[in-house]
Amino acid sequence: MPRVGALIRGQLRELRGQLRYALGLVLQRLLRRRTPAGLLDGQQVHSVLIVRINGRLGNTLFLTPLLERLHALLPQARIDLALSYPHAPALLDGLPGVRQIILFPHRGVARLGEYWRALRQLRASHYDLAIDPTPFSTSGRLILSLTHARFRLGFSVPSQWAALTHAVPLPQGTLHQGRQAAYLLTRALGAAWDPDAVRLWLPLSAAEIAAARAQVHAALHAAGASTDGAAVVGYFGHATGLKALSAQWWRRFWQALRALRPQLVTLEFLPAAAAVPTVAGFATLHLPSQRQLTAAISTLQLFVCADAGPMHLASTTDTPTVALFQATDAALYGPLKRSDRSIEVGQRTPEEVAAALHATWPARGP
């Protein structure tokens, strides 16, 4: 029954997306929007607003390549973010160039007051550039149209009804969601584009990493796990909906992988302190903040995860990340750095997935 419910929710999300696209087409034809051609002059940009009204962790982290490119190409620019992910201020703390995060509520008609206060805060600033980094976000276009921005940048798509001063056509073929916004800015400025150089980005302090290393060591010690000469591999087994893999699946997977690599020491990260581990007997660790979790993952030799938020956190670190997909497209949403791997598990047994990972074991980056 849970999988049936997840399937229905997925179909409803797809239907909502189709309706938003159709509404955008109608508005575009009524308003007759036409976007001038030409490159954006970076010398005229000293303040930037990025609008991404979405409440998901992954979509928030997908903005970090854009932030990296902004800071590299326009180091003089002050950057504000209009976001809906409630943990964004703590998660993105310390990103160079970011001045403030204007937090919009995620859903809920009852929270219109919060929405209005955030909008007033946004409109109090007169930005040189406002960016809608995704091609099909109705909320992003709406907020973009309400900003006091000299320049407005977005993708040129048939349903784009908001008034833009600069637009970039969608790239040919499939482009990972984490590369999309960086591509938009790079093309608008006429800079060189190297998709393979783009990765998720979350700078951590040495103190954060040292504290996390101590927490990992304590969890392994409490479970009686010896790490002498062993590779510590972490995993997160609590995805939701159609992305979830059962506890039985995880038990079979780890039994097969540990038979192939007996030196492994396994640590399961739990979504809550009271969550039931997927495999009894493994060391477990729950960390209350996403930065703590990211720092802990950064100390490991490998991290394995289903299609869930910790997968994206792990991809910001130098720890190779292996993502197990069965419901969404890994080419669009998988981990992004060069040492990461995505494995489609829908038509494979846990033992076959373990063998595939063993055969293509990724090396840790520098």
Protein backbone atom coordinates (compact mmCIF):
# COMPACT_ATOMS: atom_id res chain seq x y z
CA MET A 1 0.00 0.00 0.00
CA PRO A 2 2.75 2.59 0.74
CA ARG A 3 4.15 2.09 -2.78
CA VAL A 4 0.69 2.55 -4.28
CA GLY A 5 0.32 5.82 -2.38
CA ALA A 6 3.75 6.97 -3.55
CA LEU A 7 2.84 6.13 -7.15
CA ILE A 8 -0.38 8.15 -6.89
CA ARG A 9 1.49 11.11 -5.41
CA GLY A 10 4.01 10.92 -8.24
CA GLN A 11 1.25 10.96 -10.83
CA LEU A 12 -0.38 13.96 -9.13
CA ARG A 13 2.94 15.85 -9.16
CA GLU A 14 3.30 15.13 -12.87
CA LEU A 15 -0.24 16.35 -13.51
CA ARG A 16 0.39 19.55 -11.56
CA GLY A 17 3.53 20.13 -13.63
CA GLN A 18 1.60 19.70 -16.87
CA LEU A 19 -1.09 22.13 -15.68
CA ARG A 20 1.53 24.73 -14.69
CA TYR A 21 3.17 24.39 -18.10
CA ALA A 22 -0.18 24.82 -19.88
CA LEU A 23 -0.95 27.89 -17.77
CA GLY A 24 2.44 29.33 -18.65
CA LEU A 25 1.76 28.87 -22.35
CA VAL A 26 -1.55 30.71 -22.03
CA LEU A 27 0.01 33.60 -20.09
CA GLN A 28 2.90 33.85 -22.53
CA ARG A 29 0.51 34.20 -25.46
CA LEU A 30 -1.67 36.72 -23.65
CA LEU A 31 1.25 38.86 -22.49
CA ARG A 32 3.24 38.35 -25.71
CA ARG A 33 6.57 38.28 -23.94
CA ARG A 34 9.65 38.59 -26.13
CA THR A 35 13.13 38.56 -24.66
CA PRO A 36 15.91 40.69 -26.22
CA ALA A 37 19.01 38.84 -27.34
CA GLY A 38 22.53 39.68 -26.23
CA LEU A 39 25.03 38.85 -23.50
CA LEU A 40 24.80 40.09 -19.95
CA ASP A 41 27.45 42.68 -19.02
CA GLY A 42 28.97 41.45 -15.78
CA GLN A 43 30.62 44.83 -15.12
CA GLN A 44 27.17 46.24 -14.41
CA VAL A 45 26.24 43.57 -11.86
CA HIS A 46 27.06 44.27 -8.21
CA SER A 47 24.03 42.73 -6.52
CA VAL A 48 22.25 39.49 -7.43
CA LEU A 49 19.05 37.80 -6.33
CA ILE A 50 18.54 34.08 -7.00
CA VAL A 51 14.93 32.88 -6.73
CA ARG A 52 14.22 29.21 -5.99
CA ILE A 53 10.91 28.80 -4.15
CA ASN A 54 11.13 25.07 -3.49
CA GLY A 55 11.23 23.17 -0.20
CA ARG A 56 13.54 20.28 -1.11
CA LEU A 57 17.08 19.74 0.11
CA GLY A 58 18.34 18.49 -3.24
CA ASN A 59 17.00 21.46 -5.19
CA THR A 60 18.64 23.81 -2.70
CA LEU A 61 22.02 22.09 -3.05
CA PHE A 62 21.63 22.17 -6.84
CA LEU A 63 22.09 25.95 -6.56
CA THR A 64 25.62 25.64 -5.16
CA PRO A 65 27.33 25.26 -8.57
CA LEU A 66 25.57 28.48 -9.63
CA LEU A 67 26.83 30.20 -6.47
CA GLU A 68 30.36 28.99 -7.18
CA ARG A 69 30.21 30.28 -10.75
CA LEU A 70 28.73 33.60 -9.63
CA HIS A 71 31.51 34.15 -7.11
CA ALA A 72 34.17 33.14 -9.65
CA LEU A 73 32.84 35.22 -12.57
CA LEU A 74 31.46 38.18 -10.58
CA PRO A 75 33.56 38.31 -7.38
CA GLN A 76 32.35 41.83 -6.64
CA ALA A 77 28.68 40.81 -6.51
CA ARG A 78 26.67 40.55 -3.29
CA ILE A 79 24.28 37.60 -3.52
CA ASP A 80 20.87 37.21 -1.91
CA LEU A 81 18.84 34.00 -2.10
CA ALA A 82 15.04 33.73 -2.03
CA LEU A 83 14.38 30.13 -0.94
CA SER A 84 11.74 27.91 0.62
CA TYR A 85 13.89 25.18 2.11
CA PRO A 86 13.51 25.82 5.87
CA HIS A 87 17.04 24.67 6.81
CA ALA A 88 18.76 26.67 4.06
CA PRO A 89 20.22 29.42 6.31
CA ALA A 90 22.12 26.91 8.47
CA LEU A 91 22.98 24.61 5.57
CA LEU A 92 24.45 27.29 3.30
CA ASP A 93 26.24 29.22 6.02
CA GLY A 94 29.67 30.44 4.95
CA LEU A 95 29.20 30.35 1.18
CA PRO A 96 31.36 33.15 -0.29
CA GLY A 97 29.46 36.14 -1.63
CA VAL A 98 26.12 35.23 -0.01
CA ARG A 99 24.80 38.19 1.98
CA GLN A 100 21.41 36.94 3.15
CA ILE A 101 18.73 34.30 2.61
CA ILE A 102 15.16 35.50 2.34
CA LEU A 103 13.08 32.57 3.49
CA PHE A 104 9.65 32.02 1.98
CA PRO A 105 7.25 29.50 3.58
CA HIS A 106 6.99 26.13 1.92
CA ARG A 107 3.33 25.65 0.99
CA GLY A 108 0.33 26.41 3.20
CA VAL A 109 -2.35 29.02 2.53
CA ALA A 110 -2.42 29.71 6.28
CA ARG A 111 1.12 31.12 6.01
CA LEU A 112 0.30 33.95 3.62
CA GLY A 113 1.50 36.45 6.23
CA GLU A 114 4.97 34.92 6.19
CA TYR A 115 4.95 34.93 2.40
CA TRP A 116 4.00 38.61 2.34
CA ARG A 117 6.74 39.57 4.83
CA ALA A 118 9.36 37.73 2.77
CA LEU A 119 8.13 39.44 -0.41
CA ARG A 120 8.35 42.86 1.22
CA GLN A 121 11.90 42.10 2.36
CA LEU A 122 12.82 41.08 -1.19
CA ARG A 123 11.24 44.14 -2.81
CA ALA A 124 13.05 46.47 -0.41
CA SER A 125 16.26 45.87 -2.37
CA HIS A 126 16.92 47.05 -5.91
CA TYR A 127 19.08 44.34 -7.44
CA ASP A 128 21.20 44.67 -10.53
CA LEU A 129 20.34 41.09 -11.54
CA ALA A 130 17.57 38.66 -10.58
CA ILE A 131 17.85 35.02 -11.72
CA ASP A 132 15.18 32.35 -12.11
CA PRO A 133 17.51 29.33 -12.35
CA THR A 134 14.95 26.74 -13.49
CA PRO A 135 12.95 26.68 -16.72
CA PHE A 136 9.52 25.63 -15.44
CA SER A 137 9.02 27.12 -11.95
CA THR A 138 5.77 29.09 -11.73
CA SER A 139 6.66 30.49 -8.29
CA GLY A 140 10.11 31.52 -9.48
CA ARG A 141 8.70 33.42 -12.42
CA LEU A 142 6.11 35.12 -10.23
CA ILE A 143 8.70 36.33 -7.72
CA LEU A 144 11.03 37.36 -10.55
CA SER A 145 8.30 39.52 -12.05
CA LEU A 146 7.82 41.31 -8.71
CA THR A 147 11.46 42.23 -8.09
CA HIS A 148 12.99 45.68 -8.55
CA ALA A 149 15.80 44.30 -10.71
CA ARG A 150 17.57 46.06 -13.55
CA PHE A 151 18.27 42.78 -15.33
CA ARG A 152 16.24 39.55 -15.20
CA LEU A 153 17.74 36.28 -16.37
CA GLY A 154 16.04 32.96 -17.06
CA PHE A 155 15.69 30.17 -19.56
CA SER A 156 13.93 30.81 -22.85
CA VAL A 157 11.08 28.28 -22.99
CA PRO A 158 7.64 28.44 -24.64
CA SER A 159 5.88 28.76 -21.27
CA GLN A 160 8.13 31.58 -19.97
CA TRP A 161 5.71 34.43 -19.36
CA ALA A 162 7.70 36.58 -16.90
CA ALA A 163 9.40 39.62 -18.38
CA LEU A 164 13.11 38.88 -18.88
CA THR A 165 15.90 41.12 -20.11
CA HIS A 166 18.19 38.15 -20.87
CA ALA A 167 17.27 34.59 -21.74
CA VAL A 168 19.26 31.47 -22.53
CA PRO A 169 17.86 28.58 -24.62
CA LEU A 170 17.70 25.20 -22.93
CA PRO A 171 20.73 23.04 -23.77
CA GLN A 172 20.44 20.19 -26.21
CA GLY A 173 20.13 16.75 -24.62
CA THR A 174 20.06 15.86 -20.94
CA LEU A 175 21.66 18.21 -18.44
CA HIS A 176 21.88 17.32 -14.75
CA GLN A 177 19.71 19.52 -12.53
CA GLY A 178 22.80 20.53 -10.57
CA ARG A 179 24.48 21.84 -13.74
CA GLN A 180 21.43 23.63 -15.13
CA ALA A 181 21.63 26.91 -13.21
CA ALA A 182 25.42 27.18 -13.64
CA TYR A 183 24.92 26.66 -17.39
CA LEU A 184 22.36 29.47 -17.46
CA LEU A 185 24.72 32.01 -15.89
CA THR A 186 27.79 30.88 -17.82
CA ARG A 187 26.03 31.18 -21.17
CA ALA A 188 24.48 34.55 -20.26
CA LEU A 189 27.93 35.98 -19.50
CA GLY A 190 29.55 34.36 -22.55
CA ALA A 191 32.06 32.45 -20.40
CA ALA A 192 33.59 29.06 -21.18
CA TRP A 193 31.38 26.12 -20.23
CA ASP A 194 32.84 22.87 -18.90
CA PRO A 195 30.06 20.61 -17.55
CA ASP A 196 32.53 18.09 -16.14
CA ALA A 197 34.00 20.75 -13.85
CA VAL A 198 30.64 21.43 -12.19
CA ARG A 199 29.95 19.77 -8.84
CA LEU A 200 27.91 20.43 -5.73
CA TRP A 201 29.65 22.64 -3.23
CA LEU A 202 29.30 23.04 0.55
CA PRO A 203 32.42 24.38 2.29
CA LEU A 204 32.98 22.93 5.77
CA SER A 205 35.36 24.19 8.43
CA ALA A 206 38.21 22.12 9.85
CA ALA A 207 36.49 22.26 13.23
CA GLU A 208 33.27 20.80 11.80
CA ILE A 209 35.18 17.92 10.19
CA ALA A 210 37.22 17.21 13.32
CA ALA A 211 34.08 17.08 15.48
CA ALA A 212 32.38 14.78 12.99
CA ARG A 213 35.39 12.47 12.84
CA ALA A 214 35.20 12.11 16.63
CA GLN A 215 31.47 11.30 16.44
CA VAL A 216 32.07 8.63 13.80
CA HIS A 217 34.86 7.09 15.86
CA ALA A 218 32.66 7.06 18.98
CA ALA A 219 29.80 5.34 17.11
CA LEU A 220 32.13 2.65 15.74
CA HIS A 221 33.73 2.14 19.16
CA ALA A 222 30.32 1.81 20.84
CA ALA A 223 29.42 -0.97 18.37
CA GLY A 224 32.70 -2.77 18.98
CA ALA A 225 33.87 -2.21 15.41
CA SER A 226 37.61 -2.29 14.80
CA THR A 227 38.87 0.15 12.20
CA ASP A 228 42.48 -1.04 12.10
CA GLY A 229 43.32 -1.37 8.40
CA ALA A 230 39.64 -1.27 7.47
CA ALA A 231 37.68 0.93 5.09
CA VAL A 232 34.79 2.64 6.86
CA VAL A 233 31.75 2.75 4.57
CA GLY A 234 28.67 4.72 5.55
CA TYR A 235 25.17 4.42 4.20
CA PHE A 236 21.69 5.88 4.54
CA GLY A 237 18.90 3.37 4.02
CA HIS A 238 15.75 5.35 4.79
CA ALA A 239 14.56 6.85 1.51
CA THR A 240 10.83 7.47 1.05
CA GLY A 241 8.12 6.51 -1.42
CA LEU A 242 9.11 4.72 -4.61
CA LYS A 243 12.78 5.50 -3.93
CA ALA A 244 12.87 3.33 -0.80
CA LEU A 245 14.64 -0.02 -0.55
CA SER A 246 13.41 -2.50 2.04
CA ALA A 247 15.36 -3.57 5.12
CA GLN A 248 15.54 -7.06 3.62
CA TRP A 249 17.09 -5.61 0.46
CA TRP A 250 19.77 -3.83 2.50
CA ARG A 251 20.55 -6.95 4.54
CA ARG A 252 21.10 -9.00 1.41
CA PHE A 253 23.16 -6.24 -0.22
CA TRP A 254 25.52 -5.85 2.72
CA GLN A 255 25.87 -9.58 3.21
CA ALA A 256 26.94 -9.91 -0.43
CA LEU A 257 29.25 -6.88 -0.42
CA ARG A 258 30.98 -7.85 2.82
CA ALA A 259 31.59 -11.32 1.40
CA LEU A 260 33.36 -9.66 -1.54
CA ARG A 261 35.19 -7.12 0.64
CA PRO A 262 35.64 -8.61 4.14
CA GLN A 263 37.69 -5.63 5.35
CA LEU A 264 34.70 -3.27 5.29
CA VAL A 265 33.40 -1.63 8.46
CA THR A 266 29.85 -0.38 7.99
CA LEU A 267 28.18 2.62 9.63
CA GLU A 268 24.49 3.37 9.11
CA PHE A 269 23.30 6.96 9.42
CA LEU A 270 19.79 7.19 10.86
CA PRO A 271 17.20 9.89 10.02
CA ALA A 272 16.13 10.13 13.68
CA ALA A 273 17.54 9.00 17.01
CA ALA A 274 14.67 6.53 17.46
CA ALA A 275 14.72 5.19 13.87
CA VAL A 276 15.06 1.42 13.49
CA PRO A 277 18.30 0.39 11.75
CA THR A 278 17.90 -1.46 8.47
CA VAL A 279 20.56 -4.01 9.44
CA ALA A 280 20.94 -5.19 13.03
CA GLY A 281 24.46 -5.27 14.45
CA PHE A 282 25.96 -2.43 12.42
CA ALA A 283 27.25 0.73 14.07
CA THR A 284 24.68 3.52 13.81
CA LEU A 285 24.80 7.29 14.12
CA HIS A 286 22.17 10.03 14.06
CA LEU A 287 23.34 13.59 13.58
CA PRO A 288 20.75 16.35 14.06
CA SER A 289 22.12 18.85 11.55
CA GLN A 290 22.77 18.41 7.85
CA ARG A 291 26.17 20.07 8.10
CA GLN A 292 27.15 17.58 10.81
CA LEU A 293 26.01 14.72 8.59
CA THR A 294 27.96 16.13 5.64
CA ALA A 295 31.09 16.53 7.76
CA ALA A 296 30.77 12.93 9.01
CA ILE A 297 30.40 11.60 5.47
CA SER A 298 33.51 13.55 4.45
CA THR A 299 35.62 11.39 6.80
CA LEU A 300 34.58 8.06 5.21
CA GLN A 301 36.09 5.97 2.44
CA LEU A 302 32.73 5.50 0.68
CA PHE A 303 29.08 6.45 1.14
CA VAL A 304 26.16 4.42 -0.22
CA CYS A 305 22.64 5.83 -0.40
CA ALA A 306 19.31 5.41 -2.09
CA ASP A 307 17.88 8.43 -3.94
CA ALA A 308 17.52 10.71 -0.91
CA GLY A 309 18.79 14.00 0.47
CA PRO A 310 21.97 12.60 2.11
CA MET A 311 23.09 11.47 -1.36
CA HIS A 312 23.32 15.13 -2.42
CA LEU A 313 25.04 16.13 0.83
CA ALA A 314 27.61 13.37 0.25
CA SER A 315 28.24 14.57 -3.30
CA THR A 316 29.47 17.92 -1.91
CA THR A 317 32.33 16.07 -0.15
CA ASP A 318 35.40 14.28 -1.56
CA THR A 319 34.03 10.93 -0.36
CA PRO A 320 32.94 8.79 -3.34
CA THR A 321 29.16 8.45 -3.32
CA VAL A 322 27.29 5.47 -4.72
CA ALA A 323 23.61 6.22 -5.37
CA LEU A 324 21.04 3.46 -5.86
CA PHE A 325 18.21 4.49 -8.20
CA GLN A 326 14.95 2.78 -9.03
CA ALA A 327 12.33 5.51 -9.49
CA THR A 328 13.96 8.65 -10.90
CA ASP A 329 16.51 9.45 -13.59
CA ALA A 330 20.07 9.33 -12.29
CA ALA A 331 21.25 11.40 -15.26
CA LEU A 332 19.16 14.28 -13.93
CA TYR A 333 19.35 13.80 -10.17
CA GLY A 334 22.30 11.53 -9.37
CA PRO A 335 25.46 12.48 -7.44
CA LEU A 336 27.60 14.78 -9.51
CA LYS A 337 31.33 14.64 -8.86
CA ARG A 338 33.69 12.50 -10.93
CA SER A 339 34.30 9.83 -8.27
CA ASP A 340 30.55 9.26 -7.73
CA ARG A 341 28.56 6.37 -9.16
CA SER A 342 24.86 5.77 -9.86
CA ILE A 343 23.54 2.22 -10.11
CA GLU A 344 20.08 1.34 -11.40
CA VAL A 345 18.70 -1.30 -9.03
CA GLY A 346 15.14 -1.80 -10.29
CA GLN A 347 15.91 -4.89 -12.38
CA ARG A 348 18.80 -6.20 -10.27
CA THR A 349 18.99 -8.34 -7.17
CA PRO A 350 20.84 -6.95 -4.12
CA GLU A 351 23.61 -9.45 -4.84
CA GLU A 352 23.97 -8.17 -8.41
CA VAL A 353 24.13 -4.57 -7.17
CA ALA A 354 26.83 -5.54 -4.65
CA ALA A 355 28.82 -7.22 -7.43
CA ALA A 356 28.48 -4.15 -9.66
CA LEU A 357 29.75 -1.89 -6.88
CA HIS A 358 32.63 -4.26 -6.12
CA ALA A 359 33.65 -4.31 -9.79
CA THR A 360 33.66 -0.51 -10.14
CA TRP A 361 34.80 0.49 -6.65
CA PRO A 362 35.44 4.25 -6.85
CA ALA A 363 38.68 5.76 -5.57
CA ARG A 364 38.52 8.59 -3.07
CA GLY A 365 39.31 12.00 -4.54
CA PRO A 366 42.07 14.35 -3.36
